Amino acid sequence: MSPCLSKITLACFLLLILVTIAPAALAQINIVNFDFGAVPIACSNGYAYEGPELLCPYAGPEQNFNDTPGFGWTMGTRISQCCHPQQSLDGGPGLTGPNTIFYPPPFDGLPFNQAVILQDAYTFVWQPVSGFRAGSYTLSFYLGSRYSTLYDGNQTVQALIDSQVIGTWALSSYTPFTLETVSFSVNSGGTHTVEFRGINHGDHTAFVSYVVITPN
């Protein structure tokens, strides 16, 4: 084989690779802070509710995650659709690390070290996500419940795209973090919202982390 032919063959091979991977690369979805670890929990007890300012008492610590650069998500309660956050000072959404008195599932061996708290009805976390093209996608995430019966994990969690429910998971206490997946489609490119919400009223708590969207 001549050197010239070798160069042509190599160029064609590289072009074939680019043509093959380009559509997939263009469809990759970038979720900001997908593992909820970009903003450290400042309170020494390892968890905090979303609140208007940073307060760290033993009970009911609050931290302003929503307005912290790099957090990427909006957490709130009472109104579960996107764009209308309302915080509750008595509970609702927040973040926890492992081994806290919030009794999250074990984090051992998992690819994340913080998770969002979904406590009480209409607690939600959402994010506008860009980079979509019309087509089918898979949403994957880790979901678990409170490891306690005194304050239980009997929460039901819904996943939504553009405020439309695409999956529902009914949990009970002592549910370990489990990788969940659900497929969905969008009819247009650009930006769409991904959201998780708890729908059971009362001190019933679930935890979500490591949110990924991939094209099918």
N, C-alpha and C. Protein backbone atom coordinates (compact mmCIF):
# COMPACT_ATOMS: atom_id res chain seq x y z
N MET A 1 0.86 -1.19 0.00
CA MET A 1 0.00 0.00 0.00
C MET A 1 0.89 1.24 0.00
N SER A 2 0.60 2.19 -0.91
CA SER A 2 1.41 3.39 -1.00
C SER A 2 1.14 4.30 0.19
N PRO A 3 2.14 5.18 0.53
CA PRO A 3 1.93 6.14 1.63
C PRO A 3 0.72 7.02 1.38
N CYS A 4 0.49 7.39 0.09
CA CYS A 4 -0.63 8.26 -0.25
C CYS A 4 -1.95 7.58 0.06
N LEU A 5 -2.06 6.32 -0.35
CA LEU A 5 -3.29 5.57 -0.11
C LEU A 5 -3.53 5.40 1.38
N SER A 6 -2.43 5.20 2.15
CA SER A 6 -2.56 5.05 3.59
C SER A 6 -3.13 6.32 4.20
N LYS A 7 -2.66 7.50 3.75
CA LYS A 7 -3.17 8.75 4.28
C LYS A 7 -4.64 8.93 3.95
N ILE A 8 -5.04 8.58 2.72
CA ILE A 8 -6.44 8.69 2.32
C ILE A 8 -7.31 7.77 3.16
N THR A 9 -6.82 6.53 3.36
CA THR A 9 -7.56 5.57 4.15
C THR A 9 -7.75 6.05 5.58
N LEU A 10 -6.69 6.60 6.16
CA LEU A 10 -6.77 7.12 7.53
C LEU A 10 -7.75 8.28 7.61
N ALA A 11 -7.69 9.18 6.61
CA ALA A 11 -8.60 10.32 6.61
C ALA A 11 -10.05 9.85 6.50
N CYS A 12 -10.30 8.88 5.66
CA CYS A 12 -11.66 8.34 5.51
C CYS A 12 -12.14 7.68 6.79
N PHE A 13 -11.21 6.98 7.44
CA PHE A 13 -11.55 6.30 8.69
C PHE A 13 -11.95 7.32 9.77
N LEU A 14 -11.15 8.39 9.87
CA LEU A 14 -11.46 9.42 10.86
C LEU A 14 -12.78 10.11 10.55
N LEU A 15 -13.03 10.34 9.25
CA LEU A 15 -14.29 10.96 8.85
C LEU A 15 -15.46 10.07 9.21
N LEU A 16 -15.31 8.76 9.01
CA LEU A 16 -16.36 7.81 9.36
C LEU A 16 -16.65 7.84 10.85
N ILE A 17 -15.61 7.93 11.68
CA ILE A 17 -15.81 8.00 13.13
C ILE A 17 -16.59 9.25 13.49
N LEU A 18 -16.20 10.40 12.90
CA LEU A 18 -16.87 11.66 13.22
C LEU A 18 -18.33 11.62 12.81
N VAL A 19 -18.63 11.07 11.64
CA VAL A 19 -20.02 10.97 11.17
C VAL A 19 -20.82 10.06 12.08
N THR A 20 -20.18 9.02 12.60
CA THR A 20 -20.87 8.05 13.45
C THR A 20 -21.21 8.63 14.81
N ILE A 21 -20.26 9.37 15.40
CA ILE A 21 -20.48 9.83 16.77
C ILE A 21 -21.12 11.21 16.85
N ALA A 22 -21.09 11.96 15.75
CA ALA A 22 -21.58 13.33 15.83
C ALA A 22 -23.03 13.44 16.27
N PRO A 23 -23.97 12.64 15.71
CA PRO A 23 -25.36 12.76 16.15
C PRO A 23 -25.53 12.49 17.63
N ALA A 24 -24.85 11.46 18.14
CA ALA A 24 -24.96 11.15 19.57
C ALA A 24 -24.39 12.27 20.41
N ALA A 25 -23.23 12.81 19.96
CA ALA A 25 -22.60 13.87 20.74
C ALA A 25 -23.48 15.11 20.80
N LEU A 26 -24.14 15.41 19.68
CA LEU A 26 -25.00 16.59 19.65
C LEU A 26 -26.20 16.43 20.56
N ALA A 27 -26.59 15.18 20.83
CA ALA A 27 -27.79 14.93 21.62
C ALA A 27 -27.52 14.73 23.10
N GLN A 28 -26.26 14.84 23.52
CA GLN A 28 -25.97 14.66 24.93
C GLN A 28 -26.60 15.79 25.74
N ILE A 29 -27.15 15.44 26.87
CA ILE A 29 -27.87 16.39 27.69
C ILE A 29 -27.02 16.75 28.91
N ASN A 30 -26.83 18.03 29.13
CA ASN A 30 -26.02 18.50 30.24
C ASN A 30 -26.91 18.97 31.37
N ILE A 31 -27.02 18.16 32.42
CA ILE A 31 -27.76 18.54 33.62
C ILE A 31 -26.77 19.17 34.60
N VAL A 32 -27.02 20.41 34.97
CA VAL A 32 -26.13 21.10 35.90
C VAL A 32 -26.26 20.47 37.29
N ASN A 33 -25.12 20.11 37.88
CA ASN A 33 -25.11 19.56 39.24
C ASN A 33 -25.99 18.31 39.33
N PHE A 34 -25.75 17.38 38.43
CA PHE A 34 -26.60 16.20 38.32
C PHE A 34 -26.56 15.30 39.55
N ASP A 35 -25.47 15.43 40.33
CA ASP A 35 -25.36 14.59 41.53
C ASP A 35 -25.55 15.38 42.82
N PHE A 36 -26.02 16.62 42.71
CA PHE A 36 -26.32 17.49 43.84
C PHE A 36 -25.12 17.74 44.75
N GLY A 37 -23.92 17.57 44.21
CA GLY A 37 -22.73 17.72 45.03
C GLY A 37 -21.95 19.00 44.80
N ALA A 38 -22.42 19.86 43.90
CA ALA A 38 -21.65 21.05 43.55
C ALA A 38 -21.62 22.08 44.66
N VAL A 39 -22.65 22.08 45.50
CA VAL A 39 -22.73 23.03 46.62
C VAL A 39 -22.65 22.24 47.92
N PRO A 40 -21.57 22.37 48.67
CA PRO A 40 -21.45 21.61 49.93
C PRO A 40 -22.51 22.02 50.94
N ILE A 41 -22.91 21.07 51.77
CA ILE A 41 -23.82 21.36 52.87
C ILE A 41 -23.01 22.02 53.97
N ALA A 42 -23.38 23.26 54.32
CA ALA A 42 -22.59 24.02 55.27
C ALA A 42 -22.88 23.65 56.71
N CYS A 43 -24.07 23.15 56.99
CA CYS A 43 -24.44 22.85 58.37
C CYS A 43 -23.72 21.60 58.85
N SER A 44 -23.23 21.65 60.07
CA SER A 44 -22.35 20.59 60.56
C SER A 44 -23.06 19.26 60.76
N ASN A 45 -24.40 19.27 60.84
CA ASN A 45 -25.10 17.99 61.00
C ASN A 45 -25.34 17.28 59.67
N GLY A 46 -24.84 17.84 58.57
CA GLY A 46 -24.81 17.13 57.30
C GLY A 46 -26.04 17.20 56.45
N TYR A 47 -27.07 17.94 56.88
CA TYR A 47 -28.22 18.14 56.01
C TYR A 47 -28.77 19.54 56.25
N ALA A 48 -29.56 20.03 55.29
CA ALA A 48 -30.18 21.34 55.44
C ALA A 48 -31.38 21.42 54.51
N TYR A 49 -32.43 22.09 55.01
CA TYR A 49 -33.57 22.40 54.17
C TYR A 49 -33.25 23.61 53.29
N GLU A 50 -33.91 23.69 52.14
CA GLU A 50 -33.85 24.91 51.35
C GLU A 50 -34.53 26.03 52.13
N GLY A 51 -33.82 27.14 52.30
CA GLY A 51 -34.37 28.26 53.04
C GLY A 51 -33.82 29.57 52.54
N PRO A 52 -34.37 30.67 52.98
CA PRO A 52 -33.97 31.98 52.45
C PRO A 52 -32.60 32.44 52.91
N GLU A 53 -32.07 31.85 53.95
CA GLU A 53 -30.76 32.24 54.43
C GLU A 53 -30.10 31.06 55.13
N LEU A 54 -28.82 31.17 55.39
CA LEU A 54 -28.08 30.08 56.01
C LEU A 54 -28.25 30.12 57.52
N LEU A 55 -28.95 29.12 58.05
CA LEU A 55 -29.13 28.96 59.49
C LEU A 55 -28.86 27.51 59.82
N CYS A 56 -28.11 27.25 60.87
CA CYS A 56 -27.73 25.88 61.18
C CYS A 56 -28.03 25.48 62.63
N PRO A 57 -29.26 25.61 63.08
CA PRO A 57 -29.60 25.05 64.39
C PRO A 57 -29.64 23.54 64.30
N TYR A 58 -29.73 22.89 65.44
CA TYR A 58 -29.77 21.43 65.44
C TYR A 58 -31.00 20.92 64.72
N ALA A 59 -32.15 21.55 64.96
CA ALA A 59 -33.39 21.13 64.29
C ALA A 59 -33.72 22.13 63.20
N GLY A 60 -34.07 21.62 62.04
CA GLY A 60 -34.52 22.48 60.95
C GLY A 60 -33.49 23.41 60.36
N PRO A 61 -32.26 22.95 60.10
CA PRO A 61 -31.26 23.84 59.50
C PRO A 61 -31.70 24.26 58.09
N GLU A 62 -31.33 25.46 57.71
CA GLU A 62 -31.68 25.99 56.39
C GLU A 62 -30.43 26.49 55.70
N GLN A 63 -30.44 26.35 54.36
CA GLN A 63 -29.34 26.85 53.55
C GLN A 63 -29.92 27.29 52.21
N ASN A 64 -29.46 28.44 51.71
CA ASN A 64 -30.02 28.98 50.48
C ASN A 64 -29.37 28.33 49.26
N PHE A 65 -29.76 27.09 49.00
CA PHE A 65 -29.22 26.37 47.85
C PHE A 65 -29.66 27.00 46.54
N ASN A 66 -30.93 27.39 46.44
CA ASN A 66 -31.49 27.86 45.17
C ASN A 66 -30.70 29.02 44.57
N ASP A 67 -30.23 29.93 45.42
CA ASP A 67 -29.56 31.12 44.93
C ASP A 67 -28.04 31.02 44.95
N THR A 68 -27.52 29.80 45.15
CA THR A 68 -26.08 29.61 45.19
C THR A 68 -25.57 29.28 43.79
N PRO A 69 -24.59 30.02 43.26
CA PRO A 69 -24.06 29.73 41.92
C PRO A 69 -23.60 28.29 41.79
N GLY A 70 -23.95 27.67 40.68
CA GLY A 70 -23.56 26.30 40.40
C GLY A 70 -24.52 25.25 40.89
N PHE A 71 -25.54 25.65 41.70
CA PHE A 71 -26.47 24.64 42.20
C PHE A 71 -27.31 24.06 41.07
N GLY A 72 -27.83 24.91 40.18
CA GLY A 72 -28.49 24.44 38.97
C GLY A 72 -29.95 24.11 39.10
N TRP A 73 -30.40 23.70 40.28
CA TRP A 73 -31.78 23.27 40.50
C TRP A 73 -32.56 24.35 41.25
N THR A 74 -33.88 24.23 41.23
CA THR A 74 -34.75 25.02 42.09
C THR A 74 -35.58 24.07 42.92
N MET A 75 -35.54 24.23 44.24
CA MET A 75 -36.32 23.41 45.15
C MET A 75 -37.42 24.26 45.77
N GLY A 76 -38.55 23.62 46.06
CA GLY A 76 -39.64 24.34 46.69
C GLY A 76 -40.73 23.39 47.16
N THR A 77 -41.81 23.96 47.70
CA THR A 77 -42.95 23.17 48.18
C THR A 77 -44.24 23.87 47.79
N ARG A 78 -45.32 23.14 47.99
CA ARG A 78 -46.69 23.60 47.80
C ARG A 78 -47.11 23.69 46.34
N ILE A 79 -46.31 24.29 45.49
CA ILE A 79 -46.62 24.34 44.06
C ILE A 79 -45.62 23.44 43.36
N SER A 80 -46.08 22.36 42.74
CA SER A 80 -45.16 21.35 42.24
C SER A 80 -44.81 21.54 40.77
N GLN A 81 -45.37 22.54 40.11
CA GLN A 81 -44.97 22.81 38.74
C GLN A 81 -43.76 23.73 38.74
N CYS A 82 -43.03 23.69 37.66
CA CYS A 82 -41.81 24.48 37.60
C CYS A 82 -42.10 25.97 37.61
N CYS A 83 -41.12 26.70 37.94
CA CYS A 83 -41.07 28.15 37.83
C CYS A 83 -41.79 28.90 38.94
N HIS A 84 -42.36 28.21 39.92
CA HIS A 84 -43.09 28.88 41.00
C HIS A 84 -42.63 28.36 42.36
N PRO A 85 -41.35 28.53 42.72
CA PRO A 85 -40.87 27.97 43.99
C PRO A 85 -41.48 28.68 45.19
N GLN A 86 -41.89 27.90 46.17
CA GLN A 86 -42.30 28.43 47.46
C GLN A 86 -41.68 27.56 48.53
N GLN A 87 -40.91 28.15 49.41
CA GLN A 87 -40.24 27.38 50.42
C GLN A 87 -41.10 27.22 51.67
N SER A 88 -40.90 26.13 52.38
CA SER A 88 -41.57 25.90 53.65
C SER A 88 -40.53 25.88 54.74
N LEU A 89 -40.73 26.63 55.81
CA LEU A 89 -39.77 26.66 56.90
C LEU A 89 -39.93 25.46 57.82
N ASP A 90 -40.95 24.65 57.61
CA ASP A 90 -41.22 23.50 58.48
C ASP A 90 -40.77 22.18 57.86
N GLY A 91 -40.11 22.22 56.73
CA GLY A 91 -39.69 20.99 56.08
C GLY A 91 -39.76 21.15 54.58
N GLY A 92 -39.82 20.04 53.88
CA GLY A 92 -39.90 20.09 52.43
C GLY A 92 -38.61 19.66 51.79
N PRO A 93 -38.10 20.44 50.83
CA PRO A 93 -36.91 20.01 50.10
C PRO A 93 -35.64 20.46 50.80
N GLY A 94 -34.57 19.77 50.50
CA GLY A 94 -33.26 20.11 51.03
C GLY A 94 -32.22 19.16 50.49
N LEU A 95 -31.05 19.16 51.10
CA LEU A 95 -29.98 18.23 50.74
C LEU A 95 -29.50 17.51 51.99
N THR A 96 -29.04 16.27 51.78
CA THR A 96 -28.40 15.54 52.85
C THR A 96 -27.19 14.80 52.33
N GLY A 97 -26.23 14.62 53.21
CA GLY A 97 -25.12 13.73 52.95
C GLY A 97 -25.39 12.39 53.62
N PRO A 98 -24.41 11.49 53.64
CA PRO A 98 -24.61 10.18 54.27
C PRO A 98 -24.59 10.26 55.79
N ASN A 99 -25.25 9.29 56.42
CA ASN A 99 -25.16 9.08 57.87
C ASN A 99 -25.62 10.28 58.69
N THR A 100 -26.67 10.94 58.26
CA THR A 100 -27.20 12.06 59.03
C THR A 100 -28.43 11.61 59.82
N ILE A 101 -28.89 12.50 60.73
CA ILE A 101 -30.10 12.18 61.50
C ILE A 101 -31.36 12.30 60.65
N PHE A 102 -31.19 12.61 59.36
CA PHE A 102 -32.33 12.56 58.45
C PHE A 102 -32.59 11.14 57.96
N TYR A 103 -31.70 10.21 58.32
CA TYR A 103 -31.83 8.77 58.02
C TYR A 103 -31.96 8.48 56.52
N PRO A 104 -31.01 8.97 55.72
CA PRO A 104 -31.04 8.58 54.31
C PRO A 104 -30.56 7.14 54.14
N PRO A 105 -30.79 6.54 52.98
CA PRO A 105 -30.22 5.21 52.73
C PRO A 105 -28.70 5.27 52.73
N PRO A 106 -28.03 4.14 52.89
CA PRO A 106 -26.57 4.13 52.83
C PRO A 106 -26.06 4.63 51.48
N PHE A 107 -24.97 5.40 51.52
CA PHE A 107 -24.33 5.91 50.31
C PHE A 107 -23.17 5.03 49.87
N ASP A 108 -22.87 3.99 50.61
CA ASP A 108 -21.68 3.17 50.36
C ASP A 108 -21.65 2.65 48.92
N GLY A 109 -20.53 2.89 48.23
CA GLY A 109 -20.32 2.36 46.89
C GLY A 109 -21.08 3.08 45.80
N LEU A 110 -21.73 4.18 46.12
CA LEU A 110 -22.52 4.91 45.13
C LEU A 110 -21.71 6.06 44.53
N PRO A 111 -22.04 6.50 43.32
CA PRO A 111 -21.24 7.53 42.66
C PRO A 111 -21.62 8.96 43.03
N PHE A 112 -22.18 9.16 44.22
CA PHE A 112 -22.56 10.50 44.67
C PHE A 112 -22.47 10.54 46.19
N ASN A 113 -22.33 11.75 46.74
CA ASN A 113 -22.22 11.89 48.19
C ASN A 113 -23.22 12.88 48.78
N GLN A 114 -24.14 13.38 47.96
CA GLN A 114 -25.24 14.20 48.44
C GLN A 114 -26.49 13.85 47.64
N ALA A 115 -27.65 14.03 48.27
CA ALA A 115 -28.92 13.72 47.61
C ALA A 115 -29.95 14.76 48.01
N VAL A 116 -30.91 14.99 47.13
CA VAL A 116 -31.98 15.92 47.43
C VAL A 116 -33.03 15.22 48.30
N ILE A 117 -33.58 15.97 49.24
CA ILE A 117 -34.63 15.48 50.14
C ILE A 117 -35.99 15.87 49.55
N LEU A 118 -36.90 14.89 49.44
CA LEU A 118 -38.28 15.16 49.05
C LEU A 118 -39.16 14.73 50.21
N GLN A 119 -39.58 15.69 51.02
CA GLN A 119 -40.34 15.42 52.23
C GLN A 119 -41.68 16.14 52.16
N ASP A 120 -42.76 15.41 52.45
CA ASP A 120 -44.11 15.97 52.46
C ASP A 120 -44.65 16.07 51.03
N ALA A 121 -45.94 16.43 50.94
CA ALA A 121 -46.60 16.53 49.64
C ALA A 121 -46.18 17.80 48.90
N TYR A 122 -46.07 17.70 47.61
CA TYR A 122 -45.82 18.83 46.72
C TYR A 122 -44.43 19.43 46.88
N THR A 123 -43.54 18.69 47.51
CA THR A 123 -42.13 19.08 47.52
C THR A 123 -41.53 18.76 46.17
N PHE A 124 -40.78 19.68 45.60
CA PHE A 124 -40.27 19.43 44.25
C PHE A 124 -38.86 19.97 44.08
N VAL A 125 -38.19 19.46 43.06
CA VAL A 125 -36.93 20.00 42.59
C VAL A 125 -36.97 19.93 41.07
N TRP A 126 -36.58 21.02 40.40
CA TRP A 126 -36.68 21.03 38.94
C TRP A 126 -35.53 21.83 38.34
N GLN A 127 -35.32 21.60 37.03
CA GLN A 127 -34.26 22.31 36.32
C GLN A 127 -34.63 22.40 34.83
N PRO A 128 -34.46 23.58 34.21
CA PRO A 128 -34.56 23.66 32.75
C PRO A 128 -33.29 23.10 32.13
N VAL A 129 -33.44 22.19 31.20
CA VAL A 129 -32.30 21.48 30.62
C VAL A 129 -32.26 21.74 29.12
N SER A 130 -31.13 22.19 28.62
CA SER A 130 -31.00 22.49 27.19
C SER A 130 -30.30 21.35 26.46
N GLY A 131 -30.27 21.45 25.14
CA GLY A 131 -29.55 20.48 24.33
C GLY A 131 -30.40 19.38 23.74
N PHE A 132 -31.70 19.44 23.93
CA PHE A 132 -32.57 18.40 23.38
C PHE A 132 -32.74 18.57 21.87
N ARG A 133 -32.96 17.44 21.21
CA ARG A 133 -33.52 17.40 19.87
C ARG A 133 -34.78 16.56 19.94
N ALA A 134 -35.69 16.75 19.03
CA ALA A 134 -36.91 15.95 19.04
C ALA A 134 -36.54 14.48 18.97
N GLY A 135 -37.16 13.66 19.85
CA GLY A 135 -36.85 12.24 19.85
C GLY A 135 -37.08 11.60 21.20
N SER A 136 -36.55 10.42 21.37
CA SER A 136 -36.76 9.60 22.56
C SER A 136 -35.52 9.62 23.44
N TYR A 137 -35.75 9.66 24.76
CA TYR A 137 -34.67 9.73 25.73
C TYR A 137 -34.96 8.81 26.92
N THR A 138 -33.91 8.55 27.69
CA THR A 138 -34.06 7.81 28.94
C THR A 138 -33.59 8.67 30.10
N LEU A 139 -34.46 8.82 31.10
CA LEU A 139 -34.12 9.49 32.34
C LEU A 139 -33.73 8.43 33.35
N SER A 140 -32.55 8.56 33.95
CA SER A 140 -32.12 7.63 34.99
C SER A 140 -31.71 8.42 36.23
N PHE A 141 -31.91 7.82 37.39
CA PHE A 141 -31.59 8.48 38.65
C PHE A 141 -31.61 7.44 39.76
N TYR A 142 -30.97 7.78 40.88
CA TYR A 142 -31.00 6.93 42.06
C TYR A 142 -32.08 7.43 43.00
N LEU A 143 -32.90 6.51 43.49
CA LEU A 143 -34.03 6.84 44.35
C LEU A 143 -34.03 5.91 45.55
N GLY A 144 -34.20 6.48 46.73
CA GLY A 144 -34.29 5.68 47.95
C GLY A 144 -35.19 6.36 48.96
N SER A 145 -35.45 5.69 50.10
CA SER A 145 -36.34 6.24 51.11
C SER A 145 -35.66 6.29 52.47
N ARG A 146 -36.33 6.91 53.42
CA ARG A 146 -35.79 7.07 54.76
C ARG A 146 -35.61 5.73 55.45
N TYR A 147 -34.48 5.57 56.09
CA TYR A 147 -34.20 4.35 56.85
C TYR A 147 -34.68 4.53 58.29
N SER A 148 -35.98 4.64 58.45
CA SER A 148 -36.57 4.85 59.77
C SER A 148 -38.05 4.50 59.70
N THR A 149 -38.61 4.09 60.83
CA THR A 149 -40.05 3.88 60.92
C THR A 149 -40.72 4.97 61.77
N LEU A 150 -39.95 5.59 62.68
CA LEU A 150 -40.50 6.67 63.48
C LEU A 150 -40.84 7.86 62.57
N TYR A 151 -39.89 8.23 61.71
CA TYR A 151 -40.13 9.20 60.65
C TYR A 151 -39.90 8.43 59.36
N ASP A 152 -40.96 8.07 58.69
CA ASP A 152 -40.84 7.00 57.69
C ASP A 152 -40.47 7.48 56.29
N GLY A 153 -40.25 6.49 55.44
CA GLY A 153 -39.92 6.72 54.04
C GLY A 153 -41.04 6.35 53.10
N ASN A 154 -42.27 6.39 53.59
CA ASN A 154 -43.42 6.00 52.76
C ASN A 154 -43.86 7.16 51.87
N GLN A 155 -42.98 7.51 50.96
CA GLN A 155 -43.23 8.61 50.05
C GLN A 155 -43.43 8.07 48.63
N THR A 156 -44.22 8.76 47.85
CA THR A 156 -44.39 8.45 46.44
C THR A 156 -43.77 9.58 45.63
N VAL A 157 -42.90 9.20 44.71
CA VAL A 157 -42.14 10.18 43.93
C VAL A 157 -42.56 10.09 42.47
N GLN A 158 -42.75 11.25 41.87
CA GLN A 158 -43.05 11.32 40.45
C GLN A 158 -41.93 12.05 39.72
N ALA A 159 -41.64 11.60 38.50
CA ALA A 159 -40.72 12.29 37.61
C ALA A 159 -41.56 12.94 36.51
N LEU A 160 -41.19 14.17 36.16
CA LEU A 160 -41.96 14.91 35.18
C LEU A 160 -41.03 15.54 34.14
N ILE A 161 -41.50 15.60 32.92
CA ILE A 161 -40.85 16.36 31.86
C ILE A 161 -41.85 17.40 31.38
N ASP A 162 -41.47 18.66 31.43
CA ASP A 162 -42.37 19.75 31.05
C ASP A 162 -43.71 19.66 31.78
N SER A 163 -43.64 19.34 33.08
CA SER A 163 -44.80 19.26 33.98
C SER A 163 -45.72 18.08 33.68
N GLN A 164 -45.31 17.17 32.81
CA GLN A 164 -46.09 15.97 32.51
C GLN A 164 -45.44 14.76 33.20
N VAL A 165 -46.23 14.02 33.98
CA VAL A 165 -45.69 12.87 34.71
C VAL A 165 -45.29 11.77 33.73
N ILE A 166 -44.05 11.30 33.87
CA ILE A 166 -43.57 10.21 33.02
C ILE A 166 -43.31 8.94 33.83
N GLY A 167 -43.36 9.03 35.16
CA GLY A 167 -43.15 7.84 35.99
C GLY A 167 -43.49 8.13 37.44
N THR A 168 -43.96 7.08 38.15
CA THR A 168 -44.35 7.20 39.56
C THR A 168 -43.79 6.00 40.31
N TRP A 169 -43.19 6.25 41.48
CA TRP A 169 -42.59 5.20 42.29
C TRP A 169 -43.10 5.32 43.72
N ALA A 170 -43.78 4.30 44.22
CA ALA A 170 -44.27 4.27 45.60
C ALA A 170 -43.23 3.56 46.47
N LEU A 171 -42.71 4.26 47.47
CA LEU A 171 -41.65 3.74 48.31
C LEU A 171 -42.16 3.42 49.70
N SER A 172 -41.44 2.60 50.39
CA SER A 172 -41.66 2.34 51.81
C SER A 172 -40.33 2.50 52.53
N SER A 173 -40.39 2.57 53.85
CA SER A 173 -39.17 2.76 54.63
C SER A 173 -38.13 1.68 54.33
N TYR A 174 -36.88 2.05 54.45
CA TYR A 174 -35.74 1.15 54.26
C TYR A 174 -35.58 0.70 52.80
N THR A 175 -35.97 1.55 51.86
CA THR A 175 -35.68 1.28 50.46
C THR A 175 -34.30 1.83 50.14
N PRO A 176 -33.33 0.99 49.76
CA PRO A 176 -31.98 1.50 49.47
C PRO A 176 -31.99 2.32 48.19
N PHE A 177 -30.94 3.11 48.00
CA PHE A 177 -30.80 3.81 46.73
C PHE A 177 -30.79 2.79 45.59
N THR A 178 -31.69 2.98 44.65
CA THR A 178 -31.85 2.06 43.53
C THR A 178 -31.85 2.86 42.24
N LEU A 179 -31.13 2.37 41.24
CA LEU A 179 -31.10 3.03 39.95
C LEU A 179 -32.42 2.80 39.23
N GLU A 180 -33.14 3.88 38.94
CA GLU A 180 -34.42 3.81 38.25
C GLU A 180 -34.27 4.42 36.85
N THR A 181 -35.02 3.90 35.89
CA THR A 181 -35.00 4.45 34.54
C THR A 181 -36.43 4.55 34.00
N VAL A 182 -36.64 5.55 33.15
CA VAL A 182 -37.92 5.70 32.48
C VAL A 182 -37.68 6.41 31.15
N SER A 183 -38.39 5.97 30.12
CA SER A 183 -38.24 6.57 28.79
C SER A 183 -39.29 7.65 28.57
N PHE A 184 -38.93 8.62 27.76
CA PHE A 184 -39.86 9.68 27.41
C PHE A 184 -39.46 10.26 26.06
N SER A 185 -40.34 11.03 25.48
CA SER A 185 -40.08 11.65 24.19
C SER A 185 -40.39 13.15 24.26
N VAL A 186 -39.69 13.93 23.46
CA VAL A 186 -39.99 15.35 23.29
C VAL A 186 -40.21 15.59 21.80
N ASN A 187 -41.12 16.49 21.51
CA ASN A 187 -41.49 16.76 20.13
C ASN A 187 -40.70 17.90 19.51
N SER A 188 -39.87 18.55 20.32
CA SER A 188 -39.11 19.68 19.81
C SER A 188 -37.75 19.73 20.47
N GLY A 189 -36.82 20.38 19.80
CA GLY A 189 -35.50 20.55 20.37
C GLY A 189 -35.46 21.73 21.32
N GLY A 190 -34.26 22.00 21.84
CA GLY A 190 -34.10 23.15 22.73
C GLY A 190 -34.13 22.77 24.18
N THR A 191 -34.86 23.54 24.99
CA THR A 191 -34.87 23.39 26.44
C THR A 191 -36.18 22.77 26.92
N HIS A 192 -36.05 21.79 27.80
CA HIS A 192 -37.21 21.17 28.45
C HIS A 192 -36.91 21.06 29.95
N THR A 193 -37.95 20.97 30.77
CA THR A 193 -37.74 20.90 32.21
C THR A 193 -37.83 19.47 32.71
N VAL A 194 -36.93 19.12 33.63
CA VAL A 194 -36.98 17.85 34.34
C VAL A 194 -37.29 18.16 35.80
N GLU A 195 -38.18 17.37 36.39
CA GLU A 195 -38.65 17.65 37.74
C GLU A 195 -38.92 16.36 38.49
N PHE A 196 -38.68 16.40 39.80
CA PHE A 196 -39.08 15.32 40.71
C PHE A 196 -39.93 15.94 41.80
N ARG A 197 -40.95 15.21 42.25
CA ARG A 197 -41.79 15.72 43.34
C ARG A 197 -42.29 14.57 44.20
N GLY A 198 -42.44 14.86 45.48
CA GLY A 198 -43.10 13.94 46.40
C GLY A 198 -44.57 14.32 46.51
N ILE A 199 -45.44 13.32 46.64
CA ILE A 199 -46.87 13.63 46.63
C ILE A 199 -47.61 13.15 47.88
N ASN A 200 -46.91 12.50 48.82
CA ASN A 200 -47.58 12.03 50.04
C ASN A 200 -47.44 13.08 51.14
N HIS A 201 -48.57 13.48 51.72
CA HIS A 201 -48.57 14.51 52.74
C HIS A 201 -48.08 13.96 54.07
N GLY A 202 -47.27 14.75 54.77
CA GLY A 202 -46.77 14.35 56.08
C GLY A 202 -45.27 14.14 56.06
N ASP A 203 -44.73 13.67 57.18
CA ASP A 203 -43.30 13.49 57.33
C ASP A 203 -42.86 12.18 56.70
N HIS A 204 -43.00 12.11 55.39
CA HIS A 204 -42.62 10.93 54.59
C HIS A 204 -41.56 11.40 53.60
N THR A 205 -40.42 10.69 53.58
CA THR A 205 -39.25 11.27 52.93
C THR A 205 -38.60 10.30 51.95
N ALA A 206 -38.27 10.83 50.77
CA ALA A 206 -37.51 10.10 49.76
C ALA A 206 -36.29 10.93 49.38
N PHE A 207 -35.34 10.29 48.69
CA PHE A 207 -34.09 10.94 48.33
C PHE A 207 -33.76 10.62 46.88
N VAL A 208 -33.27 11.61 46.16
CA VAL A 208 -32.95 11.46 44.73
C VAL A 208 -31.56 12.02 44.47
N SER A 209 -30.79 11.36 43.59
CA SER A 209 -29.50 11.90 43.16
C SER A 209 -29.08 11.26 41.84
N TYR A 210 -27.99 11.78 41.29
CA TYR A 210 -27.33 11.24 40.08
C TYR A 210 -28.32 11.15 38.92
N VAL A 211 -28.83 12.30 38.53
CA VAL A 211 -29.86 12.40 37.48
C VAL A 211 -29.18 12.52 36.12
N VAL A 212 -29.50 11.61 35.21
CA VAL A 212 -28.86 11.57 33.90
C VAL A 212 -29.93 11.40 32.83
N ILE A 213 -29.79 12.11 31.72
CA ILE A 213 -30.66 11.94 30.56
C ILE A 213 -29.80 11.57 29.37
N THR A 214 -30.15 10.47 28.69
CA THR A 214 -29.40 10.02 27.53
C THR A 214 -30.35 9.78 26.36
N PRO A 215 -29.91 10.04 25.14
CA PRO A 215 -30.75 9.76 23.97
C PRO A 215 -30.87 8.27 23.72
N ASN A 216 -32.03 7.83 23.26
CA ASN A 216 -32.24 6.42 22.94
C ASN A 216 -31.82 6.14 21.50
